[in-house]
Amino acid sequence: MERADQVTASQATPLLQLSSYFDPNGIPEEVLCASSARAFLGRQVRLTARRNIEDAHAVESRLIHRWARKLAPNPMSDVSVHRIRTVLGVLHRLSIADRLPDNPGRPFGLLRVHALVQHAARDTLGPGQHTAVARVAAHALHDAWPTVDTGQALAQALRGCAAALRRSDPSLWNDPSGTAGAVMLRAGISLADSGQTGAAITYFEQLAAEAATRLEPHHLLVLTIRFELARCLDATGDDRAAARSLEDVLGDMRRTLGPNHHVTLSARAALAEQHGKVGDITTVTTVYRDIARRLANAQPHGIDTLVRLAGLAHWQGEAGRPRAAAQALRQLADVSRKLIGPDAPQTLAIAARAAHWQGTAGDPLTAVHLLRGLFSASRQALSPYHPQTLTIRREHAHWMGKSGDADWAVDELRTVLHETERVLGRDHPQTIDTRLEYAHWLVAFGEWAHGTQVLNDLITDLTAAVGVRHPRTFQARQRAAHAAGMSGRPNQAAALLRELHQECVTVLGEDHPRTLALQQEYLWWHSHQGIPEDAITAHLALYADARRIFGVDHPITLDARTALTHWQAHLADSRTITLDRP
């Protein structure tokens, strides 16, 4: 290290000190080049230069004094990214560390430092410096971690560094800036976003257990860990467990943080979304309006609350009010533009949702136009392969298909699927959504065999990854049954849907929206096998249940009424079945 310091003007040792808190198997160069890391290196080099100057005065050596001042950088500037990369190259040439340049399969540089070298670098720190450098490492990792994971290789490397950092210094739990805690949370969220829900649940459970031994029960970090754990339970499809967990943590948040804290508002919105999933749109609307009012009367906080509000607005659309959903989302997109900028991933995501509901409201051409503009903006601001850009591109293809160009939608989705698999991996939730969308348009375009094969492959992958009763697996199985019916096999479609409906009753209950939606599709294909009178009786019973549970204006109720009317007309019966609205 002394030789490296001589070559790099004393910049090698502080860089190795910082690296010693991360994963020895791979540290992304973005972390070491983050603004916090560059500021730290600048401070350390200035301190070293100052000591050299003092030593020069002590021995009255004019030559050493001049040499030390020459090495001292501009006191007002940090070490540049270019300079850090140069130092990394020196460490590689001296065999102190391995520097791996980026390549097509890993679009970022990586530094590997042997654990013995890390230990030696950390031993150069004086008393009281360990915690300070660990906190700098937390800030650097936080600065380098993108808001949305842009690739699984980078996300995995960052999670590895977060795990090493968490093990390195228990005092990080008491970081007054909260950055170290934010990094711990971000690692779990990254796991969940990658589709590794089970691993994320285990991570947050372990994090909560450790937090309980180091922090007070109502510490903000402890409450936020519990909140993220509840969100992971939601991702497994266990709506009841997620709702119970959210209710528990929300009660503690209200007592400790107050009703207007942005984390409390996010938890309230998340719980309201659970109500939306079981058809309670009245609660969703009430909570949406209340949170929007509170935000209007307070200083803007984290973007997470806005994202949660966008989720609640989405449920207005699911309840059969697409125009209201589109209007609410447009307003939220305007707020997001002012808060974090027009090209932020969250802003683009909210605007894309607004375009979706604009199309659902009966204006697919406007949706295509809006999404084309968002795709162009996202591609320019984020990159063509950013997950948000790929999501918008998939949504644009969907509405192109809805506008009548199914052939173009199939071709475009094939390309989007290839790019999404390459960037995020085959089992990532976003890839799964794209596979479902691609299969949908294959079936719609008449390529039933190909669409069915895509769905069967997806069901196999999902069953192995998350289980046969996971919501995404349910969705793929439902799409496969629909494809069977569309290809002229109503008996097979009905059999598949009957089995799926029975499982859904067991998991979710008879009155859950997904259960009734499955029953409705089952009755549709089953009715093709029987006599019209039986079909009318079955659909009439379903319509009565839907009206009792959701009301007359809910999409499930309206679909049940439409199916009933269809079979009445098919029977060509002169009798009139009265469907008076209350």
Foldseek 3Di string as FASTA:
>chain_A
DVVLCVVLLNLLLLLLQLVLLFFLVKDFLQLCQFPLNQQSSLVVSQVVLVVQCVVCVVVVPPVSNVVSVVSRDDNVDTHHSVSVVVSLVSCCVVVQWPWAQADPLGRTIIIHGDNVSSVVSNVVDDPPVQVVSLVSSLVSLLRSQDPADFFDVVLVRSLRGLVSSCVRDVCLLVPVVCSNLVSLVVNLVSCVQLVVLVVSLVSLVVVLVVCVVPDDCLPPSNLVSLLVNLVSVVQQVQLVSSLVSLVVSLVSCCVRVNCLPLVNLLSLLVNLLSCLQQQNLVSLVVSLVVNVVSCVVDDDDDCSNLLSSLSSLLSCVQQVNLVSSLVSLVVSLVVCCVVPRCQRLSSLVSNLSSLLSVVVVPCLVSSLVSLVVSLVSNCVPPNCLGLSSLVSQLSNLLSVVVVPPLVVSLVSLVVSLVSCCSGSNCNRPSSLVSLLSNLVSCLVVPVLVVSLVSLVVSLVVCCVNSRCPGPSNLVSLLVNLVSCVSNPNLVSSLVSLVVSLVVCCVSPNCSGPVSLVSVQSSLLSVVVVDDLVVSLVSLVVSLVSCCVRNNCNGPSNVVSVVSNVVSCVVVVDPDDDDDDHD
